[in-house]
């Protein structure tokens, strides 16, 4: 199937909140005739959310020698309230742009590596090629976290995560630590506050102390410094009641040398037991030495096709590269895919058709190089 046509099929499948499994079955139906063994794994219990699953596809399963892994996610964010100028699931092409939810983040990357892998499959002998398509990335990489045991037990020697990078190979991204802080109180009529217990009043001193917090003083030459944001505060249901609950959220983006466990200890000291702390996302930063031989080859291949010198490039947002690297510490991981990341999650999200084809060619060249085709 042509890469552009495959992307259109994928965009037309709504995978915003559910529906991951039908889209993954569609991809398995393409991969199995090409020789891939396909397996599904749920990353959430069926009663929590149906169709929450991953697809693992392996060519020449059981063969020896280091395998290349292509990874990415099938889930997308929902459609926002702002109206689209094109139907968000029509996958309409206008000029060089293919429009639709997920056209950038990141069904374009999936279409490119699936089609490149199917084309290369008949020529790959006695070596595994591994394709992982995850769900739940937009909720903190739930799918790739579930896949860690599968990755750790595999023959993976290097990985490409096909997130949108404008066709530039990236060698790192920041980590993420998201925390929920909660206080509880007793509701009462606002005219009789002495009958209640104000949860908002409990959490405000905590919030004020946290405004002065700074992450450990660490700087990375390519990822910069980490960030800390007191991001949301919610309390109560109406203005004429004493609020019986309050929720404060924290967003931290970390660089190598800033460890989530150490930061959490700092936060616990500041909170001092005055609020309950819940971790909702915990992903370490990712950094791959750009001078590793395979990484240099990928940069050379991409630079040749782009007609440009590829420097040492990174991105601030997190990806499935974090759990993949966590599963195999030290694994060379490159983040590379079609699409402008600044258009991800936006109304009228769209991907360049020409860039989609270019990245598909990059993947094909990387496969030839890895497997000696």
Protein backbone atom coordinates (compact mmCIF):
# COMPACT_ATOMS: atom_id res chain seq x y z
CA UNK A 1 0.00 0.00 0.00
CA UNK A 2 1.25 3.47 -0.88
CA UNK A 3 2.43 5.39 2.20
CA UNK A 4 0.09 8.33 1.60
CA UNK A 5 -2.87 6.02 1.07
CA UNK A 6 -2.00 4.15 4.27
CA UNK A 7 -1.88 7.40 6.22
CA UNK A 8 -5.30 8.33 4.88
CA UNK A 9 -6.71 5.01 6.08
CA UNK A 10 -5.23 5.56 9.54
CA UNK A 11 -6.43 9.16 9.88
CA UNK A 12 -9.96 8.06 8.98
CA UNK A 13 -9.94 5.77 12.03
CA UNK A 14 -10.85 7.76 15.14
CA UNK A 15 -8.40 6.74 17.87
CA UNK A 16 -8.90 9.78 20.12
CA UNK A 17 -10.36 8.12 23.20
CA UNK A 18 -10.74 4.47 22.24
CA UNK A 19 -10.79 2.46 19.05
CA UNK A 20 -7.09 1.58 19.18
CA UNK A 21 -7.61 -2.15 18.65
CA UNK A 22 -9.54 -1.88 15.32
CA UNK A 23 -6.79 0.35 13.91
CA UNK A 24 -4.11 -2.05 15.15
CA UNK A 25 -5.97 -5.04 13.68
CA UNK A 26 -6.01 -3.20 10.35
CA UNK A 27 -2.21 -2.83 10.52
CA UNK A 28 -1.75 -6.45 11.58
CA UNK A 29 -3.75 -7.52 8.54
CA UNK A 30 -1.18 -5.72 6.38
CA UNK A 31 1.87 -6.99 8.24
CA UNK A 32 1.01 -10.68 8.61
CA UNK A 33 0.93 -11.43 4.84
CA UNK A 34 4.38 -9.81 4.65
CA UNK A 35 5.74 -12.37 7.12
CA UNK A 36 5.37 -10.58 10.45
CA UNK A 37 4.15 -12.44 13.52
CA UNK A 38 1.65 -10.17 15.26
CA UNK A 39 0.56 -10.11 18.89
CA UNK A 40 -1.73 -7.79 20.81
CA UNK A 41 -1.36 -6.84 24.47
CA UNK A 42 -3.84 -4.83 26.53
CA UNK A 43 -2.23 -2.10 28.60
CA UNK A 44 -5.38 -1.42 30.65
CA UNK A 45 -8.00 -3.83 32.00
CA UNK A 46 -10.99 -4.32 29.71
CA UNK A 47 -13.37 -2.84 32.28
CA UNK A 48 -11.33 0.38 32.46
CA UNK A 49 -11.24 1.01 28.74
CA UNK A 50 -11.99 -1.39 25.90
CA UNK A 51 -9.57 -1.54 22.97
CA UNK A 52 -6.65 -0.14 25.01
CA UNK A 53 -3.88 -2.21 23.51
CA UNK A 54 -0.49 -2.46 21.79
CA UNK A 55 0.56 -4.30 18.64
CA UNK A 56 3.91 -6.12 18.51
CA UNK A 57 4.94 -7.29 15.03
CA UNK A 58 8.14 -9.32 14.51
CA UNK A 59 9.67 -10.44 11.23
CA UNK A 60 11.68 -13.69 11.36
CA UNK A 61 10.71 -14.20 15.00
CA UNK A 62 13.35 -16.13 16.91
CA UNK A 63 16.20 -15.29 14.54
CA UNK A 64 19.53 -14.28 16.06
CA UNK A 65 21.45 -11.04 15.70
CA UNK A 66 20.56 -7.50 16.75
CA UNK A 67 17.19 -6.27 15.54
CA UNK A 68 16.10 -2.79 14.60
CA UNK A 69 12.94 -1.58 16.35
CA UNK A 70 10.54 0.98 14.93
CA UNK A 71 8.12 2.33 17.53
CA UNK A 72 5.29 4.81 17.80
CA UNK A 73 1.75 5.34 19.04
CA UNK A 74 -1.66 4.99 17.38
CA UNK A 75 -3.67 7.10 19.87
CA UNK A 76 -4.37 10.78 19.27
CA UNK A 77 -5.67 13.70 21.32
CA UNK A 78 -9.37 14.63 21.01
CA UNK A 79 -10.78 17.26 18.68
CA UNK A 80 -10.85 20.66 20.41
CA UNK A 81 -13.83 23.00 20.36
CA UNK A 82 -12.48 25.29 17.62
CA UNK A 83 -13.99 24.41 14.22
CA UNK A 84 -11.81 22.79 11.55
CA UNK A 85 -11.73 24.09 7.99
CA UNK A 86 -11.64 20.45 6.83
CA UNK A 87 -13.34 17.40 8.37
CA UNK A 88 -10.84 16.09 10.98
CA UNK A 89 -11.24 12.44 9.95
CA UNK A 90 -11.56 12.83 6.18
CA UNK A 91 -7.78 12.73 5.49
CA UNK A 92 -8.29 15.29 2.76
CA UNK A 93 -5.28 16.35 0.67
CA UNK A 94 -4.97 19.99 -0.37
CA UNK A 95 -1.86 20.75 -2.34
CA UNK A 96 1.05 19.23 -0.43
CA UNK A 97 -0.88 18.95 2.88
CA UNK A 98 -2.75 15.93 4.20
CA UNK A 99 -5.19 17.15 6.86
CA UNK A 100 -6.65 15.29 9.82
CA UNK A 101 -6.32 14.45 13.49
CA UNK A 102 -3.17 12.39 13.88
CA UNK A 103 -1.75 13.33 10.48
CA UNK A 104 1.26 14.77 12.33
CA UNK A 105 1.10 13.14 15.78
CA UNK A 106 1.83 10.51 14.74
CA UNK A 107 0.07 8.36 12.19
CA UNK A 108 2.36 9.73 9.48
CA UNK A 109 5.34 8.10 11.19
CA UNK A 110 3.45 4.82 11.53
CA UNK A 111 2.46 4.82 7.86
CA UNK A 112 6.05 5.49 6.82
CA UNK A 113 7.71 2.75 8.85
CA UNK A 114 5.01 0.15 8.23
CA UNK A 115 5.17 0.62 4.46
CA UNK A 116 9.00 0.74 4.42
CA UNK A 117 9.18 -2.42 6.55
CA UNK A 118 6.72 -4.34 4.38
CA UNK A 119 8.76 -3.44 1.29
CA UNK A 120 12.03 -4.52 2.92
CA UNK A 121 10.68 -7.71 4.55
CA UNK A 122 11.32 -10.17 1.66
CA UNK A 123 15.00 -9.18 1.61
CA UNK A 124 15.64 -9.49 5.37
CA UNK A 125 16.90 -13.00 6.10
CA UNK A 126 17.82 -14.59 9.44
CA UNK A 127 17.40 -11.35 11.42
CA UNK A 128 14.45 -9.97 13.31
CA UNK A 129 12.79 -6.67 12.46
CA UNK A 130 10.52 -5.44 15.24
CA UNK A 131 7.63 -3.01 14.92
CA UNK A 132 5.89 -1.76 18.07
CA UNK A 133 2.72 0.32 17.84
CA UNK A 134 1.55 1.54 21.22
CA UNK A 135 -1.63 2.99 22.64
CA UNK A 136 -1.96 5.44 25.47
CA UNK A 137 1.05 7.64 24.70
CA UNK A 138 -1.02 10.79 25.11
CA UNK A 139 -1.80 9.68 28.68
CA UNK A 140 1.80 9.28 29.81
CA UNK A 141 3.15 6.51 27.54
CA UNK A 142 0.91 3.84 29.07
CA UNK A 143 1.34 1.45 26.17
CA UNK A 144 5.12 1.61 25.88
CA UNK A 145 5.43 1.26 29.67
CA UNK A 146 3.41 -1.95 29.41
CA UNK A 147 5.74 -3.12 26.63
CA UNK A 148 8.93 -2.80 28.68
CA UNK A 149 9.15 -6.51 29.54
CA UNK A 150 8.64 -7.44 25.90
CA UNK A 151 11.33 -4.96 24.82
CA UNK A 152 13.79 -6.11 27.50
CA UNK A 153 13.40 -9.74 26.42
CA UNK A 154 13.88 -8.95 22.72
CA UNK A 155 16.95 -8.81 20.46
CA UNK A 156 16.68 -5.05 19.91
CA UNK A 157 20.02 -3.39 19.11
CA UNK A 158 18.76 0.09 18.22
CA UNK A 159 15.42 1.88 17.99
CA UNK A 160 13.73 4.61 15.98
CA UNK A 161 10.73 6.35 17.54
CA UNK A 162 8.72 7.84 14.68
CA UNK A 163 7.38 10.98 16.39
CA UNK A 164 7.10 14.14 14.25
CA UNK A 165 10.50 15.85 13.98
CA UNK A 166 10.27 17.60 10.58
CA UNK A 167 12.39 14.74 9.19
CA UNK A 168 15.30 15.67 11.49
CA UNK A 169 16.95 12.86 13.53
CA UNK A 170 16.88 13.77 17.21
CA UNK A 171 19.08 12.19 19.87
CA UNK A 172 17.27 13.20 23.04
CA UNK A 173 14.33 14.71 24.84
CA UNK A 174 13.47 15.90 28.32
CA UNK A 175 11.81 13.71 30.89
CA UNK A 176 8.54 14.48 32.65
CA UNK A 177 7.30 14.28 36.23
CA UNK A 178 3.66 15.25 36.81
CA UNK A 179 2.21 15.33 40.31
CA UNK A 180 -1.28 15.79 41.74
CA UNK A 181 -1.49 17.31 45.23
CA UNK A 182 -4.83 16.95 47.04
CA UNK A 183 -6.34 18.23 50.23
CA UNK A 184 -9.67 17.22 51.77
CA UNK A 185 -12.06 19.23 53.90
CA UNK A 186 -15.70 19.32 54.98
CA UNK A 187 -18.35 21.06 52.89
CA UNK A 188 -20.63 23.64 54.49
CA UNK A 189 -22.78 26.61 53.53
CA UNK A 190 -20.59 29.66 52.90
CA UNK A 191 -22.70 31.66 55.36
CA UNK A 192 -21.65 29.20 58.09
CA UNK A 193 -17.98 28.46 57.34
CA UNK A 194 -17.36 27.41 60.94
CA UNK A 195 -19.41 24.28 60.17
CA UNK A 196 -16.97 23.21 57.48
CA UNK A 197 -13.28 22.67 56.79
CA UNK A 198 -11.81 24.56 53.85
CA UNK A 199 -9.69 22.35 51.58
CA UNK A 200 -8.61 25.35 49.49
CA UNK A 201 -7.28 27.15 52.55
CA UNK A 202 -5.22 24.04 53.32
CA UNK A 203 -3.56 23.84 49.91
CA UNK A 204 -2.82 27.54 49.33
CA UNK A 205 0.14 27.67 51.76
CA UNK A 206 1.57 24.57 50.03
CA UNK A 207 1.15 26.23 46.63
CA UNK A 208 2.87 29.39 47.85
CA UNK A 209 5.86 27.43 49.17
CA UNK A 210 6.15 25.50 45.91
CA UNK A 211 6.36 28.72 43.89
CA UNK A 212 9.84 29.18 45.35
CA UNK A 213 11.03 25.67 44.47
CA UNK A 214 13.73 25.14 41.83
CA UNK A 215 14.81 21.87 40.27
CA UNK A 216 18.34 20.61 41.02
CA UNK A 217 20.85 22.94 39.33
CA UNK A 218 21.79 20.80 36.34
CA UNK A 219 22.36 21.91 32.77
CA UNK A 220 22.79 19.74 29.67
CA UNK A 221 24.66 21.08 26.63
CA UNK A 222 21.86 20.11 24.23
CA UNK A 223 18.75 19.69 26.40
CA UNK A 224 19.30 22.81 28.47
CA UNK A 225 17.85 23.04 31.98
CA UNK A 226 14.72 21.49 33.43
CA UNK A 227 11.49 23.37 34.08
CA UNK A 228 9.07 23.44 37.00
CA UNK A 229 5.52 24.78 36.74
CA UNK A 230 2.73 25.00 39.31
CA UNK A 231 0.18 24.45 36.58
CA UNK A 232 -3.44 24.18 37.82
CA UNK A 233 -5.51 24.68 40.96
CA UNK A 234 -9.08 23.45 41.31
CA UNK A 235 -11.25 23.67 44.42
CA UNK A 236 -14.93 23.44 45.27
CA UNK A 237 -18.03 23.31 43.09
CA UNK A 238 -19.77 26.64 43.73
CA UNK A 239 -19.03 30.01 45.30
CA UNK A 240 -21.49 29.70 48.19
CA UNK A 241 -20.04 26.55 49.71
CA UNK A 242 -16.92 25.75 51.71
CA UNK A 243 -14.82 23.58 49.36
CA UNK A 244 -14.29 20.05 50.62
CA UNK A 245 -11.57 19.19 48.10
CA UNK A 246 -8.70 20.95 46.33
CA UNK A 247 -6.31 19.77 43.63
CA UNK A 248 -2.98 21.35 42.69
CA UNK A 249 -0.98 20.00 39.73
CA UNK A 250 2.75 20.28 39.07
CA UNK A 251 4.54 19.84 35.72
CA UNK A 252 8.29 19.21 35.70
CA UNK A 253 10.46 18.59 32.63
CA UNK A 254 13.84 17.11 33.49
CA UNK A 255 17.25 16.73 31.86
CA UNK A 256 19.96 14.10 32.46
CA UNK A 257 21.19 14.40 36.02
CA UNK A 258 17.77 15.36 37.39
CA UNK A 259 16.19 12.25 38.86
CA UNK A 260 12.45 11.97 39.54
CA UNK A 261 13.00 10.16 42.86
CA UNK A 262 15.19 12.97 44.19
CA UNK A 263 12.78 15.66 43.02
CA UNK A 264 9.86 13.83 44.63
CA UNK A 265 11.72 13.81 47.94
CA UNK A 266 12.17 17.59 47.64
CA UNK A 267 8.45 18.07 46.98
CA UNK A 268 7.51 15.84 49.91
CA UNK A 269 9.63 17.97 52.24
CA UNK A 270 7.96 21.16 51.03
CA UNK A 271 4.46 19.68 51.29
CA UNK A 272 5.28 18.39 54.78
CA UNK A 273 2.32 16.03 54.88
CA UNK A 274 -0.22 18.82 54.32
CA UNK A 275 -1.44 17.31 51.02
CA UNK A 276 -1.61 13.85 49.50
CA UNK A 277 0.81 13.43 46.56
CA UNK A 278 0.04 11.30 43.50
CA UNK A 279 2.44 10.74 40.60
CA UNK A 280 0.58 10.70 37.27
CA UNK A 281 3.54 10.72 34.83
CA UNK A 282 7.13 9.71 35.54
CA UNK A 283 9.42 9.47 32.52
CA UNK A 284 13.17 9.93 32.58
CA UNK A 285 14.95 12.08 30.02
CA UNK A 286 16.49 10.41 26.95
CA UNK A 287 19.96 11.10 25.58
CA UNK A 288 21.86 9.05 23.00
CA UNK A 289 25.51 9.75 22.24
CA UNK A 290 25.44 11.32 18.75
CA UNK A 291 28.91 9.91 18.03
CA UNK A 292 27.81 6.27 18.27
CA UNK A 293 28.49 4.64 14.87
CA UNK A 294 24.85 3.78 14.12
CA UNK A 295 23.61 7.20 15.18
CA UNK A 296 26.21 8.85 12.93
CA UNK A 297 25.06 6.67 10.02
CA UNK A 298 21.42 7.69 10.59
CA UNK A 299 22.42 11.35 10.67
CA UNK A 300 24.44 10.89 7.46
CA UNK A 301 21.54 9.15 5.69
CA UNK A 302 19.07 11.85 6.72
CA UNK A 303 21.45 14.67 5.86
CA UNK A 304 22.03 13.22 2.40
CA UNK A 305 18.31 13.03 1.66
CA UNK A 306 17.64 16.49 3.12
CA UNK A 307 20.61 18.05 1.35
CA UNK A 308 21.63 19.52 4.66
CA UNK A 309 24.09 18.93 7.46
CA UNK A 310 22.34 17.31 10.43
CA UNK A 311 23.61 18.63 13.73
CA UNK A 312 22.98 17.41 17.27
CA UNK A 313 19.27 18.07 17.77
CA UNK A 314 16.80 17.38 20.59
CA UNK A 315 13.22 18.20 21.57
CA UNK A 316 11.55 19.31 24.79
CA UNK A 317 8.44 17.06 24.75
CA UNK A 318 8.50 13.42 25.89
CA UNK A 319 7.96 10.35 23.69
CA UNK A 320 7.77 6.57 23.86
CA UNK A 321 11.57 6.64 23.64
CA UNK A 322 11.66 6.98 27.44
CA UNK A 323 10.11 3.58 28.32
CA UNK A 324 12.00 1.93 25.43
CA UNK A 325 15.31 3.23 26.79
CA UNK A 326 14.25 2.32 30.34
CA UNK A 327 13.66 -1.26 29.18
CA UNK A 328 17.18 -1.52 27.71
CA UNK A 329 19.53 1.00 29.38
CA UNK A 330 22.07 2.40 26.95
CA UNK A 331 20.08 1.38 23.86
CA UNK A 332 20.81 3.75 20.94
CA UNK A 333 17.52 5.55 20.27
CA UNK A 334 16.81 8.12 17.55
CA UNK A 335 13.56 10.08 17.32
CA UNK A 336 12.74 10.64 13.66
CA UNK A 337 9.49 11.15 11.79
CA UNK A 338 7.53 13.25 9.33
CA UNK A 339 5.45 16.24 10.36
CA UNK A 340 5.99 19.61 11.98
CA UNK A 341 5.75 19.05 15.76
CA UNK A 342 4.37 22.59 16.26
CA UNK A 343 1.21 21.45 14.43
CA UNK A 344 0.61 18.46 16.72
CA UNK A 345 -2.68 18.61 18.68
CA UNK A 346 -3.79 21.72 16.77
CA UNK A 347 -6.96 22.44 14.86
CA UNK A 348 -6.38 21.77 11.13
CA UNK A 349 -3.43 19.49 11.93
CA UNK A 350 -1.70 18.57 8.65
CA UNK A 351 1.42 16.85 7.32
CA UNK A 352 3.44 17.56 4.19
CA UNK A 353 2.97 14.75 1.68
CA UNK A 354 6.44 15.37 0.25
CA UNK A 355 8.01 15.13 3.71
CA UNK A 356 6.08 11.95 4.43
CA UNK A 357 7.60 10.37 1.33
CA UNK A 358 11.07 11.66 2.24
CA UNK A 359 10.95 10.08 5.70
CA UNK A 360 9.65 6.86 4.22
CA UNK A 361 12.77 6.85 2.02
CA UNK A 362 14.91 7.57 5.08
CA UNK A 363 13.46 4.54 6.84
CA UNK A 364 14.09 2.39 3.77
CA UNK A 365 17.73 3.53 3.64
CA UNK A 366 18.18 2.94 7.38
CA UNK A 367 16.78 -0.59 6.94
CA UNK A 368 19.17 -1.25 4.03
CA UNK A 369 22.09 -0.03 6.12
CA UNK A 370 21.16 -2.02 9.25
CA UNK A 371 20.45 -5.30 7.47
CA UNK A 372 22.98 -4.97 4.65
CA UNK A 373 20.30 -5.16 1.97
